[in-house]
Amino acid sequence: MATKLVYFAWVRERIGRGEEEIDLPGSVTTAGELIRYLRTRGEEYELALEHENVIRVAVNQEHVEHGESILGAREIALFPPMTGG
C-alpha cells in the first residue's frame, strides 16, 4: 500500500517536489528509518535529508520522534525545524 509523503520548505525545494506516494519496504517502520531509506533514493533526497537529526516528522498531522512507528500512516510530512519571529 502506498504512503503519501509531503515535503515542506527547503526539504521540498531540494527534493524538487511537494509530495509523492511511494510503497515503503517492510523494513521501514519508524520515522528515522524512513529518513534513512529516502536518502537512498537519489542525490536530491541525500542533499535534502543529509542532516537527518534536524528533520521533523509528522504522521497523520501529529509530530513524532524519529524512533516512533510510522506503520499504518496515511500521510507522513517531513520538514526542517521551524524558526519563529
PDB file of N, CA and C in Angstrom:
ATOM      1  N   MET A   1       0.836  -1.184   0.000  1.00  0.00           N
ATOM      2  CA  MET A   1       0.000   0.000   0.000  1.00  0.00           C
ATOM      3  C   MET A   1       0.878   1.243   0.000  1.00  0.00           C
ATOM      4  N   ALA A   2       0.571   2.177  -0.839  1.00  0.00           N
ATOM      5  CA  ALA A   2       1.362   3.398  -0.961  1.00  0.00           C
ATOM      6  C   ALA A   2       1.099   4.332   0.216  1.00  0.00           C
ATOM      7  N   THR A   3       2.146   5.025   0.620  1.00  0.00           N
ATOM      8  CA  THR A   3       2.067   6.021   1.678  1.00  0.00           C
ATOM      9  C   THR A   3       2.310   7.394   1.062  1.00  0.00           C
ATOM     10  N   LYS A   4       1.500   8.359   1.445  1.00  0.00           N
ATOM     11  CA  LYS A   4       1.667   9.719   0.934  1.00  0.00           C
ATOM     12  C   LYS A   4       2.727  10.425   1.768  1.00  0.00           C
ATOM     13  N   LEU A   5       3.738  10.937   1.080  1.00  0.00           N
ATOM     14  CA  LEU A   5       4.783  11.729   1.722  1.00  0.00           C
ATOM     15  C   LEU A   5       4.624  13.170   1.267  1.00  0.00           C
ATOM     16  N   VAL A   6       4.725  14.099   2.215  1.00  0.00           N
ATOM     17  CA  VAL A   6       4.590  15.516   1.925  1.00  0.00           C
ATOM     18  C   VAL A   6       5.852  16.205   2.433  1.00  0.00           C
ATOM     19  N   TYR A   7       6.418  17.076   1.600  1.00  0.00           N
ATOM     20  CA  TYR A   7       7.661  17.760   1.940  1.00  0.00           C
ATOM     21  C   TYR A   7       7.414  19.265   2.023  1.00  0.00           C
ATOM     22  N   PHE A   8       8.071  19.917   2.990  1.00  0.00           N
ATOM     23  CA  PHE A   8       7.875  21.347   3.207  1.00  0.00           C
ATOM     24  C   PHE A   8       9.197  22.099   3.188  1.00  0.00           C
ATOM     25  N   ALA A   9       9.112  23.403   2.885  1.00  0.00           N
ATOM     26  CA  ALA A   9      10.217  24.364   2.938  1.00  0.00           C
ATOM     27  C   ALA A   9      11.415  23.871   2.135  1.00  0.00           C
ATOM     28  N   TRP A  10      12.632  23.972   2.697  1.00  0.00           N
ATOM     29  CA  TRP A  10      13.798  23.608   1.899  1.00  0.00           C
ATOM     30  C   TRP A  10      13.910  22.118   1.649  1.00  0.00           C
ATOM     31  N   VAL A  11      13.220  21.274   2.413  1.00  0.00           N
ATOM     32  CA  VAL A  11      13.193  19.845   2.086  1.00  0.00           C
ATOM     33  C   VAL A  11      12.509  19.679   0.730  1.00  0.00           C
ATOM     34  N   ARG A  12      11.377  20.340   0.545  1.00  0.00           N
ATOM     35  CA  ARG A  12      10.643  20.295  -0.726  1.00  0.00           C
ATOM     36  C   ARG A  12      11.499  20.858  -1.863  1.00  0.00           C
ATOM     37  N   GLU A  13      12.144  21.977  -1.622  1.00  0.00           N
ATOM     38  CA  GLU A  13      12.951  22.612  -2.664  1.00  0.00           C
ATOM     39  C   GLU A  13      14.095  21.712  -3.115  1.00  0.00           C
ATOM     40  N   ARG A  14      14.755  21.073  -2.179  1.00  0.00           N
ATOM     41  CA  ARG A  14      15.903  20.224  -2.527  1.00  0.00           C
ATOM     42  C   ARG A  14      15.481  18.926  -3.200  1.00  0.00           C
ATOM     43  N   ILE A  15      14.353  18.361  -2.774  1.00  0.00           N
ATOM     44  CA  ILE A  15      13.876  17.128  -3.407  1.00  0.00           C
ATOM     45  C   ILE A  15      13.270  17.436  -4.773  1.00  0.00           C
ATOM     46  N   GLY A  16      12.658  18.612  -4.903  1.00  0.00           N
ATOM     47  CA  GLY A  16      12.106  19.010  -6.180  1.00  0.00           C
ATOM     48  C   GLY A  16      10.648  18.661  -6.372  1.00  0.00           C
ATOM     49  N   ARG A  17       9.966  18.329  -5.290  1.00  0.00           N
ATOM     50  CA  ARG A  17       8.526  18.049  -5.355  1.00  0.00           C
ATOM     51  C   ARG A  17       7.917  18.259  -3.972  1.00  0.00           C
ATOM     52  N   GLY A  18       6.636  18.562  -3.969  1.00  0.00           N
ATOM     53  CA  GLY A  18       5.938  18.822  -2.715  1.00  0.00           C
ATOM     54  C   GLY A  18       5.376  17.585  -2.061  1.00  0.00           C
ATOM     55  N   GLU A  19       5.075  16.577  -2.884  1.00  0.00           N
ATOM     56  CA  GLU A  19       4.536  15.331  -2.330  1.00  0.00           C
ATOM     57  C   GLU A  19       4.690  14.204  -3.330  1.00  0.00           C
ATOM     58  N   GLU A  20       4.550  13.004  -2.816  1.00  0.00           N
ATOM     59  CA  GLU A  20       4.580  11.807  -3.655  1.00  0.00           C
ATOM     60  C   GLU A  20       3.989  10.652  -2.870  1.00  0.00           C
ATOM     61  N   GLU A  21       3.608   9.616  -3.586  1.00  0.00           N
ATOM     62  CA  GLU A  21       3.143   8.383  -2.952  1.00  0.00           C
ATOM     63  C   GLU A  21       4.118   7.283  -3.306  1.00  0.00           C
ATOM     64  N   ILE A  22       4.608   6.585  -2.282  1.00  0.00           N
ATOM     65  CA  ILE A  22       5.553   5.506  -2.524  1.00  0.00           C
ATOM     66  C   ILE A  22       5.174   4.284  -1.690  1.00  0.00           C
ATOM     67  N   ASP A  23       5.599   3.132  -2.172  1.00  0.00           N
ATOM     68  CA  ASP A  23       5.458   1.887  -1.418  1.00  0.00           C
ATOM     69  C   ASP A  23       6.722   1.719  -0.595  1.00  0.00           C
ATOM     70  N   LEU A  24       6.576   1.759   0.711  1.00  0.00           N
ATOM     71  CA  LEU A  24       7.729   1.617   1.590  1.00  0.00           C
ATOM     72  C   LEU A  24       8.072   0.154   1.799  1.00  0.00           C
ATOM     73  N   PRO A  25       9.361  -0.166   1.876  1.00  0.00           N
ATOM     74  CA  PRO A  25       9.743  -1.541   2.186  1.00  0.00           C
ATOM     75  C   PRO A  25       9.275  -1.919   3.596  1.00  0.00           C
ATOM     76  N   GLY A  26       9.033  -3.182   3.825  1.00  0.00           N
ATOM     77  CA  GLY A  26       8.588  -3.655   5.129  1.00  0.00           C
ATOM     78  C   GLY A  26       9.564  -3.356   6.248  1.00  0.00           C
ATOM     79  N   SER A  27      10.815  -3.150   5.909  1.00  0.00           N
ATOM     80  CA  SER A  27      11.839  -2.887   6.925  1.00  0.00           C
ATOM     81  C   SER A  27      11.788  -1.449   7.450  1.00  0.00           C
ATOM     82  N   VAL A  28      11.017  -0.594   6.800  1.00  0.00           N
ATOM     83  CA  VAL A  28      10.921   0.812   7.222  1.00  0.00           C
ATOM     84  C   VAL A  28       9.705   0.946   8.128  1.00  0.00           C
ATOM     85  N   THR A  29       9.956   1.011   9.445  1.00  0.00           N
ATOM     86  CA  THR A  29       8.854   1.025  10.404  1.00  0.00           C
ATOM     87  C   THR A  29       8.845   2.240  11.325  1.00  0.00           C
ATOM     88  N   THR A  30       9.924   3.028  11.325  1.00  0.00           N
ATOM     89  CA  THR A  30       9.979   4.218  12.182  1.00  0.00           C
ATOM     90  C   THR A  30      10.277   5.448  11.331  1.00  0.00           C
ATOM     91  N   ALA A  31      10.059   6.607  11.923  1.00  0.00           N
ATOM     92  CA  ALA A  31      10.327   7.858  11.219  1.00  0.00           C
ATOM     93  C   ALA A  31      11.801   7.965  10.837  1.00  0.00           C
ATOM     94  N   GLY A  32      12.692   7.559  11.721  1.00  0.00           N
ATOM     95  CA  GLY A  32      14.116   7.606  11.426  1.00  0.00           C
ATOM     96  C   GLY A  32      14.506   6.670  10.299  1.00  0.00           C
ATOM     97  N   GLU A  33      13.926   5.480  10.291  1.00  0.00           N
ATOM     98  CA  GLU A  33      14.198   4.533   9.202  1.00  0.00           C
ATOM     99  C   GLU A  33      13.689   5.083   7.871  1.00  0.00           C
ATOM    100  N   LEU A  34      12.566   5.789   7.903  1.00  0.00           N
ATOM    101  CA  LEU A  34      12.042   6.407   6.685  1.00  0.00           C
ATOM    102  C   LEU A  34      13.035   7.421   6.128  1.00  0.00           C
ATOM    103  N   ILE A  35      13.553   8.272   6.980  1.00  0.00           N
ATOM    104  CA  ILE A  35      14.521   9.273   6.524  1.00  0.00           C
ATOM    105  C   ILE A  35      15.741   8.588   5.919  1.00  0.00           C
ATOM    106  N   ARG A  36      16.260   7.580   6.593  1.00  0.00           N
ATOM    107  CA  ARG A  36      17.439   6.870   6.073  1.00  0.00           C
ATOM    108  C   ARG A  36      17.122   6.176   4.750  1.00  0.00           C
ATOM    109  N   TYR A  37      15.936   5.598   4.625  1.00  0.00           N
ATOM    110  CA  TYR A  37      15.530   4.962   3.370  1.00  0.00           C
ATOM    111  C   TYR A  37      15.437   5.995   2.243  1.00  0.00           C
ATOM    112  N   LEU A  38      14.798   7.123   2.521  1.00  0.00           N
ATOM    113  CA  LEU A  38      14.640   8.144   1.484  1.00  0.00           C
ATOM    114  C   LEU A  38      15.985   8.647   0.986  1.00  0.00           C
ATOM    115  N   ARG A  39      16.968   8.712   1.849  1.00  0.00           N
ATOM    116  CA  ARG A  39      18.298   9.177   1.447  1.00  0.00           C
ATOM    117  C   ARG A  39      18.922   8.280   0.390  1.00  0.00           C
ATOM    118  N   THR A  40      18.446   7.045   0.273  1.00  0.00           N
ATOM    119  CA  THR A  40      18.987   6.118  -0.731  1.00  0.00           C
ATOM    120  C   THR A  40      18.311   6.284  -2.089  1.00  0.00           C
ATOM    121  N   ARG A  41      17.316   7.150  -2.189  1.00  0.00           N
ATOM    122  CA  ARG A  41      16.528   7.277  -3.418  1.00  0.00           C
ATOM    123  C   ARG A  41      17.096   8.234  -4.443  1.00  0.00           C
ATOM    124  N   GLY A  42      18.246   8.822  -4.169  1.00  0.00           N
ATOM    125  CA  GLY A  42      18.850   9.710  -5.153  1.00  0.00           C
ATOM    126  C   GLY A  42      19.540  10.892  -4.507  1.00  0.00           C
ATOM    127  N   GLU A  43      20.322  11.568  -5.323  1.00  0.00           N
ATOM    128  CA  GLU A  43      21.131  12.685  -4.840  1.00  0.00           C
ATOM    129  C   GLU A  43      20.290  13.801  -4.218  1.00  0.00           C
ATOM    130  N   GLU A  44      19.129  14.082  -4.810  1.00  0.00           N
ATOM    131  CA  GLU A  44      18.294  15.157  -4.284  1.00  0.00           C
ATOM    132  C   GLU A  44      17.775  14.827  -2.883  1.00  0.00           C
ATOM    133  N   TYR A  45      17.434  13.554  -2.636  1.00  0.00           N
ATOM    134  CA  TYR A  45      16.990  13.136  -1.305  1.00  0.00           C
ATOM    135  C   TYR A  45      18.159  13.174  -0.319  1.00  0.00           C
ATOM    136  N   GLU A  46      19.308  12.719  -0.764  1.00  0.00           N
ATOM    137  CA  GLU A  46      20.501  12.732   0.089  1.00  0.00           C
ATOM    138  C   GLU A  46      20.803  14.159   0.530  1.00  0.00           C
ATOM    139  N   LEU A  47      20.743  15.104  -0.392  1.00  0.00           N
ATOM    140  CA  LEU A  47      21.007  16.501  -0.070  1.00  0.00           C
ATOM    141  C   LEU A  47      19.954  17.048   0.891  1.00  0.00           C
ATOM    142  N   ALA A  48      18.705  16.778   0.635  1.00  0.00           N
ATOM    143  CA  ALA A  48      17.617  17.314   1.461  1.00  0.00           C
ATOM    144  C   ALA A  48      17.639  16.750   2.877  1.00  0.00           C
ATOM    145  N   LEU A  49      18.073  15.507   3.021  1.00  0.00           N
ATOM    146  CA  LEU A  49      17.962  14.820   4.317  1.00  0.00           C
ATOM    147  C   LEU A  49      19.312  14.498   4.935  1.00  0.00           C
ATOM    148  N   GLU A  50      20.387  15.146   4.466  1.00  0.00           N
ATOM    149  CA  GLU A  50      21.724  14.804   4.924  1.00  0.00           C
ATOM    150  C   GLU A  50      21.910  15.029   6.418  1.00  0.00           C
ATOM    151  N   HIS A  51      21.212  15.995   6.993  1.00  0.00           N
ATOM    152  CA  HIS A  51      21.296  16.245   8.439  1.00  0.00           C
ATOM    153  C   HIS A  51      20.004  15.730   9.078  1.00  0.00           C
ATOM    154  N   GLU A  52      19.874  14.417   9.101  1.00  0.00           N
ATOM    155  CA  GLU A  52      18.593  13.818   9.488  1.00  0.00           C
ATOM    156  C   GLU A  52      18.148  14.193  10.888  1.00  0.00           C
ATOM    157  N   ASN A  53      19.081  14.514  11.775  1.00  0.00           N
ATOM    158  CA  ASN A  53      18.694  14.835  13.151  1.00  0.00           C
ATOM    159  C   ASN A  53      17.897  16.135  13.255  1.00  0.00           C
ATOM    160  N   VAL A  54      17.943  17.003  12.240  1.00  0.00           N
ATOM    161  CA  VAL A  54      17.168  18.252  12.293  1.00  0.00           C
ATOM    162  C   VAL A  54      15.829  18.135  11.569  1.00  0.00           C
ATOM    163  N   ILE A  55      15.624  17.057  10.835  1.00  0.00           N
ATOM    164  CA  ILE A  55      14.371  16.884  10.090  1.00  0.00           C
ATOM    165  C   ILE A  55      13.251  16.531  11.062  1.00  0.00           C
ATOM    166  N   ARG A  56      12.159  17.273  10.961  1.00  0.00           N
ATOM    167  CA  ARG A  56      10.975  16.996  11.777  1.00  0.00           C
ATOM    168  C   ARG A  56      10.027  16.112  10.973  1.00  0.00           C
ATOM    169  N   VAL A  57       9.281  15.279  11.682  1.00  0.00           N
ATOM    170  CA  VAL A  57       8.363  14.343  11.022  1.00  0.00           C
ATOM    171  C   VAL A  57       6.993  14.443  11.686  1.00  0.00           C
ATOM    172  N   ALA A  58       5.960  14.430  10.855  1.00  0.00           N
ATOM    173  CA  ALA A  58       4.590  14.365  11.355  1.00  0.00           C
ATOM    174  C   ALA A  58       3.897  13.199  10.676  1.00  0.00           C
ATOM    175  N   VAL A  59       3.238  12.373  11.469  1.00  0.00           N
ATOM    176  CA  VAL A  59       2.476  11.235  10.962  1.00  0.00           C
ATOM    177  C   VAL A  59       1.004  11.546  11.167  1.00  0.00           C
ATOM    178  N   ASN A  60       0.264  11.530  10.069  1.00  0.00           N
ATOM    179  CA  ASN A  60      -1.158  11.881  10.123  1.00  0.00           C
ATOM    180  C   ASN A  60      -1.358  13.206  10.864  1.00  0.00           C
ATOM    181  N   GLN A  61      -0.488  14.176  10.572  1.00  0.00           N
ATOM    182  CA  GLN A  61      -0.533  15.544  11.075  1.00  0.00           C
ATOM    183  C   GLN A  61      -0.231  15.671  12.566  1.00  0.00           C
ATOM    184  N   GLU A  62       0.462  14.669  13.142  1.00  0.00           N
ATOM    185  CA  GLU A  62       0.911  14.757  14.531  1.00  0.00           C
ATOM    186  C   GLU A  62       2.411  14.556  14.572  1.00  0.00           C
ATOM    187  N   HIS A  63       3.112  15.474  15.231  1.00  0.00           N
ATOM    188  CA  HIS A  63       4.563  15.376  15.327  1.00  0.00           C
ATOM    189  C   HIS A  63       4.964  14.095  16.050  1.00  0.00           C
ATOM    190  N   VAL A  64       6.017  13.447  15.527  1.00  0.00           N
ATOM    191  CA  VAL A  64       6.541  12.239  16.155  1.00  0.00           C
ATOM    192  C   VAL A  64       8.058  12.339  16.243  1.00  0.00           C
ATOM    193  N   GLU A  65       8.625  11.602  17.180  1.00  0.00           N
ATOM    194  CA  GLU A  65      10.072  11.489  17.296  1.00  0.00           C
ATOM    195  C   GLU A  65      10.558  10.474  16.267  1.00  0.00           C
ATOM    196  N   HIS A  66      11.834  10.501  15.961  1.00  0.00           N
ATOM    197  CA  HIS A  66      12.384   9.611  14.934  1.00  0.00           C
ATOM    198  C   HIS A  66      12.259   8.138  15.280  1.00  0.00           C
ATOM    199  N   GLY A  67      12.163   7.793  16.548  1.00  0.00           N
ATOM    200  CA  GLY A  67      12.043   6.394  16.943  1.00  0.00           C
ATOM    201  C   GLY A  67      10.623   5.858  16.933  1.00  0.00           C
ATOM    202  N   GLU A  68       9.660   6.718  16.669  1.00  0.00           N
ATOM    203  CA  GLU A  68       8.257   6.300  16.715  1.00  0.00           C
ATOM    204  C   GLU A  68       7.822   5.617  15.423  1.00  0.00           C
ATOM    205  N   SER A  69       6.844   4.748  15.559  1.00  0.00           N
ATOM    206  CA  SER A  69       6.342   3.944  14.440  1.00  0.00           C
ATOM    207  C   SER A  69       5.618   4.798  13.402  1.00  0.00           C
ATOM    208  N   ILE A  70       5.781   4.413  12.153  1.00  0.00           N
ATOM    209  CA  ILE A  70       5.021   5.029  11.059  1.00  0.00           C
ATOM    210  C   ILE A  70       4.077   4.009  10.427  1.00  0.00           C
ATOM    211  N   LEU A  71       3.989   2.833  11.023  1.00  0.00           N
ATOM    212  CA  LEU A  71       3.138   1.774  10.465  1.00  0.00           C
ATOM    213  C   LEU A  71       1.682   2.235  10.418  1.00  0.00           C
ATOM    214  N   GLY A  72       1.040   2.019   9.299  1.00  0.00           N
ATOM    215  CA  GLY A  72      -0.359   2.382   9.129  1.00  0.00           C
ATOM    216  C   GLY A  72      -0.596   3.853   8.834  1.00  0.00           C
ATOM    217  N   ALA A  73       0.472   4.623   8.666  1.00  0.00           N
ATOM    218  CA  ALA A  73       0.314   6.053   8.408  1.00  0.00           C
ATOM    219  C   ALA A  73      -0.329   6.281   7.045  1.00  0.00           C
ATOM    220  N   ARG A  74      -1.262   7.211   6.990  1.00  0.00           N
ATOM    221  CA  ARG A  74      -1.862   7.625   5.723  1.00  0.00           C
ATOM    222  C   ARG A  74      -1.028   8.724   5.079  1.00  0.00           C
ATOM    223  N   GLU A  75      -0.450   9.593   5.928  1.00  0.00           N
ATOM    224  CA  GLU A  75       0.340  10.706   5.429  1.00  0.00           C
ATOM    225  C   GLU A  75       1.512  10.951   6.369  1.00  0.00           C
ATOM    226  N   ILE A  76       2.681  11.162   5.774  1.00  0.00           N
ATOM    227  CA  ILE A  76       3.873  11.480   6.554  1.00  0.00           C
ATOM    228  C   ILE A  76       4.471  12.746   5.968  1.00  0.00           C
ATOM    229  N   ALA A  77       4.679  13.738   6.812  1.00  0.00           N
ATOM    230  CA  ALA A  77       5.252  15.013   6.395  1.00  0.00           C
ATOM    231  C   ALA A  77       6.674  15.125   6.937  1.00  0.00           C
ATOM    232  N   LEU A  78       7.578  15.647   6.100  1.00  0.00           N
ATOM    233  CA  LEU A  78       8.952  15.903   6.514  1.00  0.00           C
ATOM    234  C   LEU A  78       9.239  17.377   6.284  1.00  0.00           C
ATOM    235  N   PHE A  79       9.848  18.011   7.289  1.00  0.00           N
ATOM    236  CA  PHE A  79      10.122  19.434   7.185  1.00  0.00           C
ATOM    237  C   PHE A  79      11.284  19.823   8.086  1.00  0.00           C
ATOM    238  N   PRO A  80      11.909  20.949   7.781  1.00  0.00           N
ATOM    239  CA  PRO A  80      13.016  21.425   8.607  1.00  0.00           C
ATOM    240  C   PRO A  80      12.496  22.018   9.910  1.00  0.00           C
ATOM    241  N   PRO A  81      13.408  22.325  10.825  1.00  0.00           N
ATOM    242  CA  PRO A  81      12.970  22.953  12.084  1.00  0.00           C
ATOM    243  C   PRO A  81      12.284  24.274  11.809  1.00  0.00           C
ATOM    244  N   MET A  82      11.324  24.582  12.634  1.00  0.00           N
ATOM    245  CA  MET A  82      10.600  25.844  12.491  1.00  0.00           C
ATOM    246  C   MET A  82      11.405  26.954  13.138  1.00  0.00           C
ATOM    247  N   THR A  83      11.395  28.098  12.510  1.00  0.00           N
ATOM    248  CA  THR A  83      12.001  29.269  13.122  1.00  0.00           C
ATOM    249  C   THR A  83      10.913  30.296  13.348  1.00  0.00           C
ATOM    250  N   GLY A  84      10.970  30.962  14.457  1.00  0.00           N
ATOM    251  CA  GLY A  84       9.914  31.908  14.788  1.00  0.00           C
ATOM    252  C   GLY A  84      10.385  33.343  14.661  1.00  0.00           C
ATOM    253  N   GLY A  85       9.454  34.226  14.763  1.00  0.00           N
ATOM    254  CA  GLY A  85       9.835  35.635  14.712  1.00  0.00           C
ATOM    255  C   GLY A  85       8.643  36.519  14.727  1.00  0.00           C
TER     256      GLY A  85
END
